[in-house]
Amino acid sequence: THMGEAEGMFIHHIIQKYGKETWESFRRLDASNLNKSLAGGETRAQVLERVNKLLTEVIENTHYEHVGLSVHGGLIRNFVHSLLPDGTAPIPIPNCVTYLVRFENGQFVASDQPHLHIEDLI
């Protein structure tokens, strides 16, 4: 996610500069919030469009049956939540968590439960 003027800032600095309400609004996951962004940054809709395009290209242009994607927690959170019903509680994003996303009948499908935690491997 390109955060615009807030890129590289710590959260507490973003809140100081833009206000807590702006930060909380930016972080909301409901569908009505897809066009929110921080000054000069990408909206959730733009991020989701970019991710969907990339994953669809991989599916359509390769013969892979399984693909791993390593991204930061904010992208995982936004992408997985975009596949879940509105009102779903925020998914947990601890370090090294994985979520299983499937491509079925032409669309992505996800669960709100982590697929695997690093702790499960230790």
Protein backbone atom coordinates (compact mmCIF):
# COMPACT_ATOMS: atom_id res chain seq x y z
CA THR A 1 0.00 0.00 0.00
CA HIS A 2 1.34 3.40 -0.94
CA MET A 3 0.65 5.60 2.08
CA GLY A 4 1.22 8.94 0.32
CA GLU A 5 2.49 11.70 2.62
CA ALA A 6 2.34 9.25 5.55
CA GLU A 7 4.76 6.80 3.87
CA GLY A 8 7.50 5.84 6.33
CA MET A 9 5.86 7.54 9.30
CA PHE A 10 5.22 5.80 12.60
CA ILE A 11 1.54 5.36 13.44
CA HIS A 12 1.71 7.80 16.35
CA HIS A 13 3.13 10.46 13.98
CA ILE A 14 0.35 9.80 11.46
CA ILE A 15 -2.21 10.26 14.25
CA GLN A 16 -0.47 13.48 15.39
CA LYS A 17 -0.46 14.89 11.84
CA TYR A 18 -3.86 13.72 10.53
CA GLY A 19 -5.82 12.94 13.69
CA LYS A 20 -7.02 9.74 15.30
CA GLU A 21 -10.36 9.81 13.46
CA THR A 22 -8.61 9.93 10.06
CA TRP A 23 -6.34 7.03 11.01
CA GLU A 24 -9.22 4.93 12.34
CA SER A 25 -11.29 5.70 9.26
CA PHE A 26 -8.40 4.65 7.01
CA ARG A 27 -8.10 1.35 8.93
CA ARG A 28 -11.82 0.42 8.78
CA LEU A 29 -12.45 -2.69 6.72
CA ASP A 30 -16.10 -2.31 5.70
CA ALA A 31 -16.95 -2.01 2.01
CA SER A 32 -18.14 1.58 2.43
CA ASN A 33 -14.56 2.53 3.26
CA LEU A 34 -12.94 1.35 0.02
CA ASN A 35 -12.23 4.85 -1.27
CA LYS A 36 -10.49 6.22 1.83
CA SER A 37 -6.80 7.06 1.70
CA LEU A 38 -4.26 9.14 3.51
CA ALA A 39 -3.14 12.31 1.73
CA GLY A 40 -1.64 11.34 -1.62
CA GLY A 41 -1.87 7.60 -0.94
CA GLU A 42 -3.67 4.65 -2.47
CA THR A 43 -7.22 3.82 -1.53
CA ARG A 44 -8.13 0.31 -0.41
CA ALA A 45 -9.96 -0.10 -3.72
CA GLN A 46 -6.78 0.74 -5.67
CA VAL A 47 -4.70 -1.68 -3.60
CA LEU A 48 -7.25 -4.47 -3.99
CA GLU A 49 -7.49 -3.86 -7.73
CA ARG A 50 -3.70 -4.15 -8.04
CA VAL A 51 -3.54 -7.36 -5.97
CA ASN A 52 -6.47 -8.97 -7.79
CA LYS A 53 -4.90 -8.12 -11.15
CA LEU A 54 -1.55 -9.63 -10.14
CA LEU A 55 -3.03 -12.83 -8.75
CA THR A 56 -5.37 -13.24 -11.71
CA GLU A 57 -2.41 -12.84 -14.10
CA VAL A 58 -0.49 -15.54 -12.21
CA ILE A 59 -3.48 -17.89 -12.36
CA GLU A 60 -4.19 -17.25 -16.03
CA ASN A 61 -0.58 -17.28 -17.27
CA THR A 62 1.02 -20.14 -15.34
CA HIS A 63 0.39 -23.80 -14.76
CA TYR A 64 1.03 -23.65 -11.02
CA GLU A 65 -1.49 -25.37 -8.77
CA HIS A 66 -0.22 -23.61 -5.62
CA VAL A 67 1.35 -20.18 -5.26
CA GLY A 68 2.86 -18.63 -2.14
CA LEU A 69 2.70 -14.88 -1.69
CA SER A 70 4.71 -13.12 0.99
CA VAL A 71 3.41 -9.64 1.83
CA HIS A 72 3.06 -7.32 4.81
CA GLY A 73 0.21 -7.62 7.27
CA GLY A 74 -1.74 -4.62 5.99
CA LEU A 75 -2.07 -6.13 2.55
CA ILE A 76 -3.05 -9.54 3.96
CA ARG A 77 -5.64 -7.87 6.16
CA ASN A 78 -7.15 -5.83 3.32
CA PHE A 79 -7.14 -8.62 0.75
CA VAL A 80 -8.56 -11.35 2.99
CA HIS A 81 -11.20 -8.99 4.43
CA SER A 82 -12.25 -8.00 0.93
CA LEU A 83 -13.22 -11.65 0.41
CA LEU A 84 -15.19 -11.98 3.65
CA PRO A 85 -18.71 -10.76 4.46
CA ASP A 86 -18.98 -7.15 5.65
CA GLY A 87 -18.97 -7.00 9.43
CA THR A 88 -16.46 -9.85 9.88
CA ALA A 89 -14.25 -9.15 12.89
CA PRO A 90 -10.69 -8.06 12.02
CA ILE A 91 -8.51 -11.08 11.30
CA PRO A 92 -5.43 -11.61 13.46
CA ILE A 93 -2.11 -10.76 11.79
CA PRO A 94 0.68 -12.06 14.06
CA ASN A 95 4.16 -12.39 12.58
CA CYS A 96 4.58 -15.26 10.13
CA VAL A 97 0.87 -16.04 9.81
CA THR A 98 -0.51 -17.59 6.65
CA TYR A 99 -4.01 -17.41 5.22
CA LEU A 100 -5.26 -19.80 2.58
CA VAL A 101 -6.92 -18.13 -0.39
CA ARG A 102 -8.41 -20.30 -3.11
CA PHE A 103 -9.48 -19.44 -6.63
CA GLU A 104 -12.79 -21.22 -7.21
CA ASN A 105 -15.30 -20.71 -10.01
CA GLY A 106 -13.54 -17.55 -11.18
CA GLN A 107 -13.28 -15.82 -7.81
CA PHE A 108 -11.03 -15.70 -4.78
CA VAL A 109 -12.33 -17.28 -1.56
CA ALA A 110 -10.79 -16.99 1.92
CA SER A 111 -11.42 -17.97 5.53
CA ASP A 112 -11.25 -15.59 8.48
CA GLN A 113 -9.09 -18.14 10.34
CA PRO A 114 -5.31 -18.38 9.94
CA HIS A 115 -4.19 -21.39 7.93
CA LEU A 116 -0.88 -21.83 9.73
CA HIS A 117 1.10 -20.06 12.46
CA ILE A 118 4.87 -20.32 12.71
CA GLU A 119 4.29 -21.65 16.25
CA ASP A 120 2.60 -24.70 14.68
CA LEU A 121 5.90 -25.63 13.06
CA ILE A 122 8.07 -25.36 16.17
